[in-house]
Amino acid sequence: MALIFVLSGQPSDGQERGFIELLLRKLGHVTGYFLLTLSSGRALRELAGDRTLTWQLAASSVFSLAYAVTDEFHQTFVDGRDGTPVDVLIDAIGITLACFVVARRRG
């Protein structure tokens, strides 16, 4: 979460990005939220006790998605940056992939 916060707090340099750089940045969103969902799911697994895998995946997804929304809000205060719902949807791809991987491994 700290890494996501620091990276999203970087001011924009105002340069137009090429397709490859834009793609790599969006892949960074997917990867970051994939890892956040895995790590929060792991923490919740330790705290969950007898709760089901579905509960753990839902809770880690809600947690990660809430962080994605607050991160986009944070970006509205950074020079040259905007918070966009599209980035939250891209983050949700990473969250969904993490849930899929965990469900396949443990299911």
N, C-alpha and C. Protein backbone atom coordinates (compact mmCIF):
# COMPACT_ATOMS: atom_id res chain seq x y z
N MET A 1 0.83 -1.19 0.00
CA MET A 1 0.00 0.00 0.00
C MET A 1 0.87 1.25 0.00
N ALA A 2 1.98 1.18 0.73
CA ALA A 2 2.88 2.34 0.78
C ALA A 2 3.47 2.61 -0.60
N LEU A 3 3.84 1.55 -1.31
CA LEU A 3 4.41 1.73 -2.65
C LEU A 3 3.38 2.34 -3.59
N ILE A 4 2.17 1.85 -3.55
CA ILE A 4 1.10 2.41 -4.38
C ILE A 4 0.90 3.89 -4.05
N PHE A 5 0.87 4.22 -2.76
CA PHE A 5 0.68 5.60 -2.33
C PHE A 5 1.79 6.51 -2.84
N VAL A 6 3.05 6.05 -2.71
CA VAL A 6 4.19 6.86 -3.14
C VAL A 6 4.16 7.06 -4.66
N LEU A 7 3.92 5.98 -5.40
CA LEU A 7 3.91 6.10 -6.86
C LEU A 7 2.77 6.98 -7.35
N SER A 8 1.61 6.89 -6.71
CA SER A 8 0.49 7.72 -7.16
C SER A 8 0.65 9.17 -6.72
N GLY A 9 1.57 9.43 -5.82
CA GLY A 9 1.82 10.79 -5.37
C GLY A 9 2.87 11.53 -6.20
N GLN A 10 3.39 10.87 -7.24
CA GLN A 10 4.38 11.51 -8.11
C GLN A 10 3.67 12.49 -9.05
N PRO A 11 4.12 13.73 -9.08
CA PRO A 11 3.49 14.69 -10.01
C PRO A 11 3.74 14.31 -11.46
N SER A 12 2.83 14.67 -12.31
CA SER A 12 2.97 14.41 -13.75
C SER A 12 3.98 15.38 -14.33
N ASP A 13 4.78 14.90 -15.30
CA ASP A 13 5.73 15.78 -15.97
C ASP A 13 5.10 16.48 -17.18
N GLY A 14 3.84 16.16 -17.44
CA GLY A 14 3.11 16.82 -18.52
C GLY A 14 3.39 16.29 -19.91
N GLN A 15 4.28 15.31 -20.04
CA GLN A 15 4.60 14.77 -21.36
C GLN A 15 3.54 13.77 -21.80
N GLU A 16 3.34 13.74 -23.10
CA GLU A 16 2.42 12.78 -23.70
C GLU A 16 3.09 11.41 -23.70
N ARG A 17 2.39 10.38 -23.31
CA ARG A 17 2.94 9.03 -23.22
C ARG A 17 2.64 8.24 -24.49
N GLY A 18 3.61 7.42 -24.89
CA GLY A 18 3.39 6.52 -26.01
C GLY A 18 2.57 5.32 -25.57
N PHE A 19 2.12 4.55 -26.52
CA PHE A 19 1.26 3.40 -26.24
C PHE A 19 1.93 2.39 -25.31
N ILE A 20 3.19 2.06 -25.59
CA ILE A 20 3.89 1.05 -24.79
C ILE A 20 4.04 1.52 -23.34
N GLU A 21 4.41 2.77 -23.14
CA GLU A 21 4.57 3.28 -21.78
C GLU A 21 3.23 3.32 -21.06
N LEU A 22 2.18 3.69 -21.75
CA LEU A 22 0.84 3.69 -21.16
C LEU A 22 0.43 2.26 -20.78
N LEU A 23 0.71 1.32 -21.66
CA LEU A 23 0.38 -0.08 -21.39
C LEU A 23 1.14 -0.59 -20.17
N LEU A 24 2.42 -0.25 -20.06
CA LEU A 24 3.23 -0.67 -18.91
C LEU A 24 2.71 -0.05 -17.61
N ARG A 25 2.28 1.19 -17.68
CA ARG A 25 1.72 1.84 -16.48
C ARG A 25 0.43 1.14 -16.04
N LYS A 26 -0.41 0.81 -16.98
CA LYS A 26 -1.67 0.14 -16.64
C LYS A 26 -1.41 -1.28 -16.15
N LEU A 27 -0.39 -1.92 -16.69
CA LEU A 27 0.02 -3.24 -16.19
C LEU A 27 0.53 -3.13 -14.76
N GLY A 28 1.14 -2.00 -14.43
CA GLY A 28 1.57 -1.73 -13.06
C GLY A 28 0.38 -1.65 -12.13
N HIS A 29 -0.71 -1.05 -12.59
CA HIS A 29 -1.95 -1.01 -11.80
C HIS A 29 -2.44 -2.43 -11.52
N VAL A 30 -2.52 -3.22 -12.56
CA VAL A 30 -3.00 -4.60 -12.42
C VAL A 30 -2.11 -5.38 -11.45
N THR A 31 -0.81 -5.27 -11.63
CA THR A 31 0.14 -6.00 -10.79
C THR A 31 0.07 -5.55 -9.34
N GLY A 32 0.04 -4.25 -9.12
CA GLY A 32 0.00 -3.71 -7.77
C GLY A 32 -1.23 -4.18 -6.99
N TYR A 33 -2.37 -4.13 -7.64
CA TYR A 33 -3.60 -4.53 -6.94
C TYR A 33 -3.75 -6.05 -6.88
N PHE A 34 -3.14 -6.77 -7.79
CA PHE A 34 -3.04 -8.23 -7.69
C PHE A 34 -2.29 -8.59 -6.41
N LEU A 35 -1.12 -7.96 -6.22
CA LEU A 35 -0.30 -8.24 -5.03
C LEU A 35 -0.97 -7.76 -3.75
N LEU A 36 -1.64 -6.61 -3.80
CA LEU A 36 -2.34 -6.12 -2.61
C LEU A 36 -3.46 -7.08 -2.21
N THR A 37 -4.19 -7.59 -3.18
CA THR A 37 -5.28 -8.53 -2.87
C THR A 37 -4.74 -9.83 -2.32
N LEU A 38 -3.63 -10.34 -2.89
CA LEU A 38 -3.02 -11.56 -2.35
C LEU A 38 -2.56 -11.36 -0.91
N SER A 39 -1.88 -10.24 -0.66
CA SER A 39 -1.35 -10.03 0.69
C SER A 39 -2.45 -9.75 1.71
N SER A 40 -3.47 -9.01 1.33
CA SER A 40 -4.57 -8.77 2.27
C SER A 40 -5.36 -10.06 2.48
N GLY A 41 -5.49 -10.87 1.44
CA GLY A 41 -6.16 -12.15 1.59
C GLY A 41 -5.41 -13.08 2.52
N ARG A 42 -4.09 -13.03 2.42
CA ARG A 42 -3.26 -13.84 3.32
C ARG A 42 -3.45 -13.39 4.77
N ALA A 43 -3.45 -12.10 5.00
CA ALA A 43 -3.66 -11.58 6.35
C ALA A 43 -5.05 -11.97 6.87
N LEU A 44 -6.04 -11.87 6.02
CA LEU A 44 -7.40 -12.22 6.43
C LEU A 44 -7.54 -13.71 6.70
N ARG A 45 -6.79 -14.52 5.97
CA ARG A 45 -6.84 -15.96 6.19
C ARG A 45 -6.40 -16.30 7.61
N GLU A 46 -5.40 -15.58 8.08
CA GLU A 46 -4.92 -15.80 9.45
C GLU A 46 -5.94 -15.35 10.48
N LEU A 47 -6.71 -14.33 10.15
CA LEU A 47 -7.70 -13.79 11.08
C LEU A 47 -9.08 -14.43 10.95
N ALA A 48 -9.32 -15.12 9.85
CA ALA A 48 -10.67 -15.56 9.50
C ALA A 48 -11.19 -16.71 10.34
N GLY A 49 -10.31 -17.51 10.89
CA GLY A 49 -10.78 -18.66 11.66
C GLY A 49 -11.51 -19.64 10.77
N ASP A 50 -12.76 -19.92 11.10
CA ASP A 50 -13.55 -20.91 10.37
C ASP A 50 -14.31 -20.35 9.17
N ARG A 51 -14.08 -19.10 8.85
CA ARG A 51 -14.81 -18.50 7.72
C ARG A 51 -14.37 -19.15 6.41
N THR A 52 -15.21 -19.04 5.42
CA THR A 52 -14.99 -19.73 4.15
C THR A 52 -14.02 -18.97 3.25
N LEU A 53 -13.52 -19.67 2.26
CA LEU A 53 -12.67 -19.07 1.24
C LEU A 53 -13.41 -17.94 0.54
N THR A 54 -14.69 -18.13 0.29
CA THR A 54 -15.49 -17.09 -0.37
C THR A 54 -15.50 -15.81 0.46
N TRP A 55 -15.66 -15.94 1.77
CA TRP A 55 -15.63 -14.77 2.66
C TRP A 55 -14.28 -14.08 2.58
N GLN A 56 -13.21 -14.85 2.61
CA GLN A 56 -11.86 -14.28 2.58
C GLN A 56 -11.61 -13.54 1.27
N LEU A 57 -12.02 -14.14 0.16
CA LEU A 57 -11.83 -13.49 -1.15
C LEU A 57 -12.68 -12.24 -1.26
N ALA A 58 -13.90 -12.30 -0.79
CA ALA A 58 -14.77 -11.12 -0.84
C ALA A 58 -14.21 -10.00 0.03
N ALA A 59 -13.77 -10.33 1.23
CA ALA A 59 -13.24 -9.30 2.13
C ALA A 59 -11.96 -8.68 1.57
N SER A 60 -11.06 -9.48 1.03
CA SER A 60 -9.82 -8.91 0.48
C SER A 60 -10.11 -8.10 -0.78
N SER A 61 -11.12 -8.51 -1.54
CA SER A 61 -11.51 -7.75 -2.74
C SER A 61 -12.09 -6.39 -2.37
N VAL A 62 -12.98 -6.37 -1.39
CA VAL A 62 -13.58 -5.11 -0.94
C VAL A 62 -12.50 -4.19 -0.38
N PHE A 63 -11.60 -4.74 0.41
CA PHE A 63 -10.51 -3.95 0.97
C PHE A 63 -9.65 -3.34 -0.14
N SER A 64 -9.25 -4.16 -1.12
CA SER A 64 -8.39 -3.68 -2.21
C SER A 64 -9.11 -2.67 -3.09
N LEU A 65 -10.38 -2.93 -3.36
CA LEU A 65 -11.15 -1.99 -4.19
C LEU A 65 -11.34 -0.67 -3.47
N ALA A 66 -11.58 -0.71 -2.18
CA ALA A 66 -11.71 0.53 -1.40
C ALA A 66 -10.40 1.31 -1.44
N TYR A 67 -9.27 0.61 -1.36
CA TYR A 67 -7.99 1.30 -1.44
C TYR A 67 -7.79 1.90 -2.83
N ALA A 68 -8.22 1.20 -3.86
CA ALA A 68 -8.11 1.74 -5.23
C ALA A 68 -8.90 3.04 -5.37
N VAL A 69 -10.08 3.08 -4.81
CA VAL A 69 -10.91 4.30 -4.88
C VAL A 69 -10.24 5.44 -4.11
N THR A 70 -9.74 5.15 -2.90
CA THR A 70 -9.09 6.21 -2.12
C THR A 70 -7.79 6.66 -2.77
N ASP A 71 -7.11 5.76 -3.46
CA ASP A 71 -5.88 6.13 -4.16
C ASP A 71 -6.18 7.09 -5.31
N GLU A 72 -7.24 6.82 -6.04
CA GLU A 72 -7.63 7.73 -7.12
C GLU A 72 -8.04 9.09 -6.56
N PHE A 73 -8.71 9.10 -5.43
CA PHE A 73 -9.05 10.36 -4.77
C PHE A 73 -7.78 11.10 -4.37
N HIS A 74 -6.81 10.38 -3.83
CA HIS A 74 -5.52 10.97 -3.46
C HIS A 74 -4.87 11.64 -4.67
N GLN A 75 -4.97 11.02 -5.84
CA GLN A 75 -4.33 11.58 -7.04
C GLN A 75 -4.94 12.91 -7.47
N THR A 76 -6.16 13.19 -7.05
CA THR A 76 -6.76 14.47 -7.42
C THR A 76 -6.06 15.64 -6.74
N PHE A 77 -5.26 15.37 -5.70
CA PHE A 77 -4.52 16.41 -4.99
C PHE A 77 -3.07 16.54 -5.47
N VAL A 78 -2.67 15.72 -6.45
CA VAL A 78 -1.29 15.71 -6.94
C VAL A 78 -1.23 16.53 -8.23
N ASP A 79 -0.22 17.42 -8.33
CA ASP A 79 -0.06 18.28 -9.51
C ASP A 79 -0.01 17.47 -10.81
N GLY A 80 -0.88 17.83 -11.74
CA GLY A 80 -0.88 17.21 -13.05
C GLY A 80 -1.52 15.84 -13.10
N ARG A 81 -2.07 15.36 -12.01
CA ARG A 81 -2.68 14.02 -11.98
C ARG A 81 -4.18 14.16 -11.80
N ASP A 82 -4.89 13.15 -12.27
CA ASP A 82 -6.34 13.07 -12.11
C ASP A 82 -6.68 11.70 -11.57
N GLY A 83 -7.68 11.64 -10.74
CA GLY A 83 -8.22 10.36 -10.32
C GLY A 83 -9.30 9.96 -11.32
N THR A 84 -9.23 8.74 -11.85
CA THR A 84 -10.21 8.33 -12.85
C THR A 84 -10.87 7.01 -12.48
N PRO A 85 -12.16 6.89 -12.74
CA PRO A 85 -12.84 5.62 -12.53
C PRO A 85 -12.27 4.50 -13.42
N VAL A 86 -11.74 4.87 -14.57
CA VAL A 86 -11.15 3.86 -15.46
C VAL A 86 -9.99 3.16 -14.77
N ASP A 87 -9.16 3.90 -14.04
CA ASP A 87 -8.06 3.28 -13.32
C ASP A 87 -8.55 2.34 -12.22
N VAL A 88 -9.66 2.68 -11.59
CA VAL A 88 -10.24 1.77 -10.59
C VAL A 88 -10.68 0.47 -11.27
N LEU A 89 -11.25 0.58 -12.46
CA LEU A 89 -11.63 -0.63 -13.20
C LEU A 89 -10.40 -1.46 -13.58
N ILE A 90 -9.32 -0.79 -13.95
CA ILE A 90 -8.09 -1.50 -14.27
C ILE A 90 -7.54 -2.18 -13.01
N ASP A 91 -7.60 -1.49 -11.89
CA ASP A 91 -7.19 -2.08 -10.61
C ASP A 91 -8.04 -3.31 -10.31
N ALA A 92 -9.33 -3.23 -10.62
CA ALA A 92 -10.25 -4.34 -10.37
C ALA A 92 -9.86 -5.58 -11.18
N ILE A 93 -9.21 -5.40 -12.32
CA ILE A 93 -8.72 -6.55 -13.09
C ILE A 93 -7.69 -7.31 -12.26
N GLY A 94 -6.75 -6.59 -11.64
CA GLY A 94 -5.75 -7.23 -10.79
C GLY A 94 -6.39 -7.92 -9.60
N ILE A 95 -7.39 -7.29 -9.00
CA ILE A 95 -8.11 -7.87 -7.86
C ILE A 95 -8.80 -9.17 -8.28
N THR A 96 -9.47 -9.14 -9.41
CA THR A 96 -10.18 -10.32 -9.92
C THR A 96 -9.21 -11.45 -10.24
N LEU A 97 -8.09 -11.12 -10.87
CA LEU A 97 -7.09 -12.15 -11.18
C LEU A 97 -6.54 -12.79 -9.92
N ALA A 98 -6.30 -12.00 -8.89
CA ALA A 98 -5.80 -12.55 -7.64
C ALA A 98 -6.81 -13.52 -7.03
N CYS A 99 -8.08 -13.14 -7.04
CA CYS A 99 -9.12 -14.02 -6.50
C CYS A 99 -9.20 -15.32 -7.30
N PHE A 100 -9.08 -15.20 -8.60
CA PHE A 100 -9.12 -16.38 -9.46
C PHE A 100 -7.96 -17.32 -9.14
N VAL A 101 -6.76 -16.77 -9.02
CA VAL A 101 -5.57 -17.58 -8.72
C VAL A 101 -5.72 -18.28 -7.38
N VAL A 102 -6.14 -17.55 -6.35
CA VAL A 102 -6.31 -18.13 -5.02
C VAL A 102 -7.39 -19.23 -5.04
N ALA A 103 -8.50 -18.96 -5.69
CA ALA A 103 -9.58 -19.94 -5.74
C ALA A 103 -9.13 -21.22 -6.46
N ARG A 104 -8.37 -21.08 -7.53
CA ARG A 104 -7.87 -22.25 -8.28
C ARG A 104 -6.87 -23.05 -7.46
N ARG A 105 -6.01 -22.36 -6.72
CA ARG A 105 -4.99 -23.05 -5.93
C ARG A 105 -5.58 -23.74 -4.71
N ARG A 106 -6.58 -23.12 -4.10
CA ARG A 106 -7.12 -23.65 -2.86
C ARG A 106 -8.43 -24.40 -3.04
N GLY A 107 -8.97 -24.33 -4.25
CA GLY A 107 -10.29 -24.91 -4.48
C GLY A 107 -10.27 -26.27 -4.99
